Each structure stands twice: as C-alpha cells, then as structure tokens.
Amino acid sequence: MIKKGISHIGIIFLYALAYLPLPILYGLSNFLFYPLYYIVGYRKKVVRENLALSFPEKSYAERIGIEKRYFRYLVDLMLEIVKTSKITQKELENMVQFENFELIEKYFSEGKSILAATGHVGNWELCVVALSTKLKNKQNKVIYKPLNNPVFDDWFYKLRSRFGNDMITMRQTLRSVVASKNEQTIYCFAGDQSPVRSEVQYNLEFLNQTTAVLLGLEKIALQTNRPIIYFEVDAYKRGKYLVKIRELCEVPQVTKGHQITDMFFHELEKTIKAQPVHWLWSHRRWKLNK
C-alpha cells in the first residue's frame, strides 16, 4: 500500500510537470542533466559498455562525447514523454512530421492492412501518438510491454492512447490480429526489445555484437502477408521529429528464413549509426550475452 501511495504521488507530480510549456521543460532539462550524469550516474556503466562494444572503431573521446550528448537527450526525452500526457494536437503536429505518408495511404486505398516497425530511436512514444492523429478512421494498434508497476503502467496506457491508439500487450498480439482481420489496421512494433532467455529463437549480428532478437513482427507478417513499413525517426532538432516512412517488405510470404528480421535490424543499425545519440543506450540490450 505504501509503495502504491508513493506511485500515486509520483503521478500527480508528473501531471503537474506536464502543464509546463516546453521551453520551461527544456530549461529544466538543461539543469537536470548535471546531477543525472555527474552525481547519480544513471546506468552510465551500461551506456559506456554498450557504446564501446557497438563502436570499437571510435576513440574513447568520441564515445564519451556521444555518451554525454545521449544523457542530455535522455532528460529531454523523459520530459517530452511527461508532456505528452497533456499535449494538445496542435503542439503534437508542431513537434512531429511525417515524410512519405503517401505510402500508408496507398496501402489503405488498396484495402490492405499494414505492419510498421521501428526502434527506440528518438521520441518513439511521441511519434506513435502523433501517428494516431493522422490515421483518421483507420485503427492504429500499438504493441507494448506492460510495466511492472500498475500505477505507472496505467499512466503510460492513458498517455499512449489519448489520441486513439489501441494498445495491445505483446502476449495478445496474435489474438488481436485475428480479431481485427476484417478491419483495416496498422500494427506498430518496436522490434529492438530483448527477449527473455527462454524465448530466444534467433540471434543475429547487430551493432558489432551477437544479439538475441524477438520474432513477433516476422511471425505476424508471414501469417498475414501484410506489407511492412519502416519508421525512421530523425530527431533533427530539439523537440522536432521527422518520421521517414519507407517500405521494408511488400510481400512477406516471398521471403526466406529470417529475412524480415534481418532487414529490420539492418535498417535500424543504419539509423543508429547516422544519429547515435538518440538510441536507448541505457537499456541492457545485450544482457543475455553475459
């Protein structure tokens, strides 16, 4: 009960923060970076190790530069996510733009449903919320992993679904796809999450390391033959995101082996190398390698 009460107090604090204008939140972010990086050192060891293994060709000084800029962005990201709980549609449209949205419209005009794949690059939360405002009467179904804390999980659920996203837990994905087979939908996957050890079925080379990966996107694609698109999130300016939409695979059932998964991680690696500051380096992505 005490833990739940503390969580509710935390949610009240987050909602209070969310009412602040973005310029003030960015000013707060400038200040919070210093204690987070120099005093708390939140997962600094994890970030440093991930960068060293992913970019062995870079000098130590170059990696430390990426590390510091990553932590600066991480504070921005956390406060932007907080802001999303109270953001207006106008503010959202000002922060997130889409390039080649015509590809989605083309598939919908052909009567097709779509699978969309992205990674934890830039503010993926904000971009998926923004997508729901663009889809009009089409359903945007977002696959997510529930948090262990039910109070914060409920807060995130409301944040992610406030403009119409239909949130689907990872374990319910296939059931949801079957239930909505007669509707035009777009299912959004963040495909770079780590599987638990008992679920590992495939490993590939990603960012210079052997990496255990999830196969959910590939399995759904092969079963439904829905075209797959890739969302490349470009954090080109503070508080400004451009979601570049590209075709990943038009006819999944003609692929072989784990070609779909390989293609996704190939694209994601290119995205990360182009803007290394904006991937979620504090995630223990390679913990199964220990």
Protein backbone atom coordinates (compact mmCIF):
# COMPACT_ATOMS: atom_id res chain seq x y z
CA MET A 1 0.00 0.00 0.00
CA ILE A 2 2.84 2.40 0.84
CA LYS A 3 4.53 1.72 -2.50
CA LYS A 4 1.24 2.30 -4.33
CA GLY A 5 0.70 5.56 -2.46
CA ILE A 6 4.17 6.78 -3.39
CA SER A 7 3.45 5.88 -7.02
CA HIS A 8 0.24 7.93 -6.98
CA ILE A 9 2.15 10.92 -5.58
CA GLY A 10 4.67 10.48 -8.39
CA ILE A 11 1.86 10.51 -10.98
CA ILE A 12 0.44 13.74 -9.52
CA PHE A 13 3.90 15.30 -9.81
CA LEU A 14 4.20 14.16 -13.45
CA TYR A 15 0.82 15.64 -14.34
CA ALA A 16 1.87 18.93 -12.71
CA LEU A 17 5.05 18.95 -14.81
CA ALA A 18 3.04 18.20 -17.95
CA TYR A 19 1.23 21.54 -17.71
CA LEU A 20 4.52 23.45 -18.08
CA PRO A 21 5.32 24.86 -21.54
CA LEU A 22 8.01 23.03 -23.48
CA PRO A 23 10.57 25.90 -23.28
CA ILE A 24 10.42 25.73 -19.48
CA LEU A 25 10.73 21.94 -19.55
CA TYR A 26 13.81 22.21 -21.77
CA GLY A 27 15.28 24.74 -19.35
CA LEU A 28 14.67 22.27 -16.55
CA SER A 29 16.30 19.57 -18.67
CA ASN A 30 19.44 21.69 -19.05
CA PHE A 31 19.71 21.80 -15.26
CA LEU A 32 18.79 18.14 -14.56
CA PHE A 33 21.45 16.78 -16.90
CA TYR A 34 24.25 17.64 -14.45
CA PRO A 35 23.02 15.71 -11.40
CA LEU A 36 21.81 12.83 -13.59
CA TYR A 37 25.16 12.43 -15.33
CA TYR A 38 27.75 13.60 -12.80
CA ILE A 39 26.14 12.68 -9.46
CA VAL A 40 23.53 9.95 -9.94
CA GLY A 41 25.31 8.42 -12.92
CA TYR A 42 22.14 6.63 -14.00
CA ARG A 43 23.23 3.46 -15.83
CA LYS A 44 26.37 5.25 -17.00
CA LYS A 45 28.33 2.00 -16.85
CA VAL A 46 25.73 0.29 -19.09
CA VAL A 47 25.80 3.14 -21.61
CA ARG A 48 29.60 3.25 -21.71
CA GLU A 49 29.91 -0.50 -22.21
CA ASN A 50 27.21 -0.55 -24.92
CA LEU A 51 28.94 2.25 -26.82
CA ALA A 52 32.38 0.63 -26.50
CA LEU A 53 31.15 -2.69 -27.88
CA SER A 54 29.00 -1.10 -30.60
CA PHE A 55 31.60 1.39 -31.85
CA PRO A 56 35.06 -0.12 -31.31
CA GLU A 57 36.33 1.92 -34.26
CA LYS A 58 35.63 5.20 -32.42
CA SER A 59 38.11 6.70 -29.99
CA TYR A 60 37.42 6.84 -26.27
CA ALA A 61 36.95 10.62 -26.52
CA GLU A 62 34.43 10.22 -29.34
CA ARG A 63 32.41 7.70 -27.35
CA ILE A 64 32.42 9.90 -24.24
CA GLY A 65 31.13 12.74 -26.41
CA ILE A 66 28.26 10.55 -27.61
CA GLU A 67 27.64 9.42 -24.02
CA LYS A 68 27.27 12.96 -22.68
CA ARG A 69 25.02 14.05 -25.53
CA TYR A 70 22.95 10.91 -25.02
CA PHE A 71 22.32 11.76 -21.37
CA ARG A 72 21.39 15.32 -22.33
CA TYR A 73 18.89 13.91 -24.80
CA LEU A 74 17.65 11.31 -22.31
CA VAL A 75 16.49 14.09 -19.95
CA ASP A 76 14.77 15.84 -22.87
CA LEU A 77 13.12 12.54 -23.81
CA MET A 78 11.80 11.89 -20.30
CA LEU A 79 10.32 15.38 -20.01
CA GLU A 80 8.83 15.21 -23.52
CA ILE A 81 7.12 11.94 -22.59
CA VAL A 82 5.75 13.59 -19.45
CA LYS A 83 4.49 16.48 -21.60
CA THR A 84 2.74 14.01 -23.93
CA SER A 85 0.20 13.26 -21.18
CA LYS A 86 -1.21 16.80 -21.60
CA ILE A 87 -0.01 17.82 -25.04
CA THR A 88 -2.52 19.34 -27.46
CA GLN A 89 -2.95 18.06 -31.00
CA LYS A 90 -1.60 21.35 -32.35
CA GLU A 91 1.56 21.04 -30.22
CA LEU A 92 1.91 17.43 -31.31
CA GLU A 93 1.67 18.30 -35.00
CA ASN A 94 4.25 21.04 -34.49
CA MET A 95 6.71 18.57 -32.97
CA VAL A 96 6.23 15.55 -35.26
CA GLN A 97 6.04 15.48 -39.04
CA PHE A 98 5.81 12.52 -41.41
CA GLU A 99 7.67 12.06 -44.67
CA ASN A 100 6.17 9.81 -47.37
CA PHE A 101 2.88 9.31 -45.52
CA GLU A 102 1.51 8.66 -49.00
CA LEU A 103 2.85 5.10 -48.73
CA ILE A 104 0.42 4.36 -45.88
CA GLU A 105 -2.43 5.98 -47.80
CA LYS A 106 -1.55 3.90 -50.87
CA TYR A 107 -1.82 0.61 -48.99
CA PHE A 108 -5.05 1.67 -47.32
CA SER A 109 -6.52 2.70 -50.68
CA GLU A 110 -5.73 -0.82 -51.91
CA GLY A 111 -7.70 -2.26 -49.00
CA LYS A 112 -4.61 -3.57 -47.22
CA SER A 113 -3.65 -3.54 -43.55
CA ILE A 114 -0.07 -2.71 -42.59
CA LEU A 115 2.66 -3.72 -40.17
CA ALA A 116 5.02 -0.94 -39.08
CA ALA A 117 8.42 -1.50 -37.46
CA THR A 118 10.59 0.96 -35.59
CA GLY A 119 13.18 1.01 -32.83
CA HIS A 120 13.76 3.01 -29.67
CA VAL A 121 15.27 5.93 -31.56
CA GLY A 122 14.27 9.50 -30.75
CA ASN A 123 10.93 10.01 -29.02
CA TRP A 124 9.21 6.87 -30.31
CA GLU A 125 6.38 7.39 -27.80
CA LEU A 126 5.55 10.85 -29.11
CA CYS A 127 5.79 9.75 -32.74
CA VAL A 128 3.39 6.82 -32.29
CA VAL A 129 0.90 9.12 -30.53
CA ALA A 130 1.25 11.60 -33.41
CA LEU A 131 0.58 8.83 -35.93
CA SER A 132 -2.86 8.23 -34.44
CA THR A 133 -3.88 11.80 -35.29
CA LYS A 134 -3.01 11.20 -38.97
CA LEU A 135 -4.92 7.96 -39.49
CA LYS A 136 -8.45 9.35 -39.26
CA ASN A 137 -10.84 6.38 -39.20
CA LYS A 138 -8.13 3.70 -39.50
CA GLN A 139 -7.06 1.84 -36.38
CA ASN A 140 -3.52 2.23 -35.04
CA LYS A 141 -2.68 -0.74 -32.83
CA VAL A 142 0.50 -0.35 -30.81
CA ILE A 143 2.26 -3.38 -29.36
CA TYR A 144 3.71 -2.73 -25.91
CA LYS A 145 5.17 -4.46 -22.89
CA PRO A 146 3.30 -3.58 -19.66
CA LEU A 147 5.29 -2.09 -16.78
CA ASN A 148 5.65 -4.00 -13.53
CA ASN A 149 4.28 -1.02 -11.57
CA PRO A 150 0.49 -0.98 -12.25
CA VAL A 151 0.11 2.70 -11.33
CA PHE A 152 2.73 3.87 -13.81
CA ASP A 153 1.56 1.30 -16.37
CA ASP A 154 -1.92 2.85 -16.22
CA TRP A 155 -0.41 6.34 -16.63
CA PHE A 156 1.55 5.23 -19.71
CA TYR A 157 -1.50 3.49 -21.13
CA LYS A 158 -3.55 6.67 -20.93
CA LEU A 159 -0.69 8.73 -22.38
CA ARG A 160 -0.21 6.41 -25.35
CA SER A 161 -3.91 6.01 -26.15
CA ARG A 162 -5.24 9.53 -25.58
CA PHE A 163 -5.50 10.33 -29.32
CA GLY A 164 -6.96 6.98 -30.28
CA ASN A 165 -4.17 4.39 -30.24
CA ASP A 166 -5.36 0.90 -29.38
CA MET A 167 -2.73 -0.54 -27.03
CA ILE A 168 -2.08 -4.29 -27.36
CA THR A 169 0.17 -6.21 -24.99
CA MET A 170 2.86 -8.33 -26.63
CA ARG A 171 1.22 -11.54 -25.45
CA GLN A 172 -2.12 -10.54 -27.02
CA THR A 173 -0.74 -9.57 -30.44
CA LEU A 174 -1.76 -12.65 -32.42
CA ARG A 175 -5.21 -12.77 -30.81
CA SER A 176 -5.74 -9.10 -31.68
CA VAL A 177 -4.63 -9.61 -35.29
CA VAL A 178 -7.10 -12.47 -35.71
CA ALA A 179 -9.92 -10.49 -34.06
CA SER A 180 -9.37 -7.47 -36.34
CA LYS A 181 -8.77 -9.37 -39.60
CA ASN A 182 -11.82 -7.78 -41.24
CA GLU A 183 -10.74 -4.23 -40.35
CA GLN A 184 -8.07 -2.02 -41.90
CA THR A 185 -5.38 -1.60 -39.29
CA ILE A 186 -1.75 -0.68 -38.82
CA TYR A 187 0.16 -2.61 -36.15
CA CYS A 188 3.22 -0.82 -34.76
CA PHE A 189 6.13 -2.87 -33.40
CA ALA A 190 9.21 -1.63 -31.55
CA GLY A 191 11.31 -4.53 -32.72
CA ASP A 192 14.55 -3.93 -30.83
CA GLN A 193 13.43 -5.12 -27.40
CA SER A 194 15.22 -8.02 -25.71
CA PRO A 195 13.58 -11.43 -25.44
CA VAL A 196 13.78 -13.36 -22.19
CA ARG A 197 16.29 -16.19 -22.31
CA SER A 198 13.63 -18.93 -22.58
CA GLU A 199 12.13 -17.26 -25.69
CA VAL A 200 15.35 -16.87 -27.70
CA GLN A 201 14.92 -18.47 -31.12
CA TYR A 202 17.26 -16.40 -33.29
CA ASN A 203 20.48 -14.42 -32.98
CA LEU A 204 22.00 -12.03 -35.48
CA GLU A 205 24.87 -9.56 -35.71
CA PHE A 206 23.72 -6.10 -34.68
CA LEU A 207 25.99 -3.19 -33.75
CA ASN A 208 29.07 -5.41 -33.73
CA GLN A 209 27.54 -7.92 -31.31
CA THR A 210 25.70 -11.23 -31.39
CA THR A 211 22.15 -10.18 -30.49
CA ALA A 212 19.13 -12.22 -29.42
CA VAL A 213 16.03 -10.78 -31.08
CA LEU A 214 12.26 -11.07 -30.97
CA LEU A 215 10.50 -12.63 -33.96
CA GLY A 216 6.99 -11.27 -33.38
CA LEU A 217 6.98 -8.94 -36.38
CA GLU A 218 8.22 -11.67 -38.70
CA LYS A 219 5.74 -14.27 -37.46
CA ILE A 220 2.75 -11.95 -37.86
CA ALA A 221 3.97 -10.84 -41.29
CA LEU A 222 4.33 -14.40 -42.58
CA GLN A 223 0.91 -15.38 -41.27
CA THR A 224 -0.94 -12.35 -42.64
CA ASN A 225 1.24 -11.36 -45.65
CA ARG A 226 0.66 -7.71 -44.78
CA PRO A 227 3.16 -5.21 -46.20
CA ILE A 228 5.76 -3.97 -43.71
CA ILE A 229 6.93 -0.37 -43.48
CA TYR A 230 9.85 1.04 -41.50
CA PHE A 231 9.63 4.21 -39.42
CA GLU A 232 12.97 6.01 -39.25
CA VAL A 233 12.71 8.65 -36.54
CA ASP A 234 15.01 11.60 -37.22
CA ALA A 235 15.47 13.87 -34.17
CA TYR A 236 16.78 16.68 -36.35
CA LYS A 237 16.28 19.50 -33.84
CA ARG A 238 15.41 19.82 -30.18
CA GLY A 239 11.73 18.95 -29.86
CA LYS A 240 11.39 18.33 -33.60
CA TYR A 241 10.99 14.88 -35.14
CA LEU A 242 10.67 13.74 -38.73
CA VAL A 243 9.31 10.22 -39.21
CA LYS A 244 10.61 8.93 -42.52
CA ILE A 245 8.37 6.16 -43.84
CA ARG A 246 9.95 3.52 -46.06
CA GLU A 247 8.82 0.21 -47.45
CA LEU A 248 10.60 -2.69 -45.75
CA CYS A 249 8.84 -5.65 -47.39
CA GLU A 250 5.76 -5.55 -49.62
CA VAL A 251 5.09 -9.30 -49.82
CA PRO A 252 6.38 -11.05 -46.66
CA GLN A 253 5.45 -14.56 -47.79
CA VAL A 254 8.08 -14.50 -50.57
CA THR A 255 10.87 -14.05 -48.02
CA LYS A 256 13.03 -16.88 -46.73
CA GLY A 257 14.46 -17.81 -43.35
CA HIS A 258 14.63 -14.80 -41.06
CA GLN A 259 14.97 -12.31 -43.89
CA ILE A 260 12.35 -9.93 -42.48
CA THR A 261 14.06 -9.72 -39.10
CA ASP A 262 17.44 -9.29 -40.78
CA MET A 263 16.09 -6.46 -42.95
CA PHE A 264 14.61 -4.65 -39.97
CA PHE A 265 17.80 -4.76 -37.92
CA HIS A 266 19.87 -3.74 -40.94
CA GLU A 267 17.72 -0.61 -41.33
CA LEU A 268 17.76 0.09 -37.59
CA GLU A 269 21.55 -0.18 -37.44
CA LYS A 270 21.86 2.35 -40.27
CA THR A 271 19.52 4.70 -38.39
CA ILE A 272 21.51 4.38 -35.15
CA LYS A 273 24.87 4.92 -36.84
CA ALA A 274 23.51 8.04 -38.54
CA GLN A 275 22.36 9.53 -35.19
CA PRO A 276 23.95 7.51 -32.35
CA VAL A 277 22.95 10.00 -29.66
CA HIS A 278 19.26 9.18 -29.97
CA TRP A 279 19.08 5.41 -29.41
CA LEU A 280 18.26 3.98 -25.96
CA TRP A 281 21.80 3.12 -24.85
CA SER A 282 20.83 2.84 -21.17
CA HIS A 283 18.79 -0.29 -21.96
CA ARG A 284 20.60 -3.52 -21.05
CA ARG A 285 20.14 -4.75 -24.60
CA TRP A 286 22.85 -7.41 -24.53
CA LYS A 287 22.30 -8.76 -21.03
CA LEU A 288 21.84 -12.28 -22.44
CA ASN A 289 25.45 -12.16 -23.66
CA LYS A 290 26.76 -12.09 -20.08
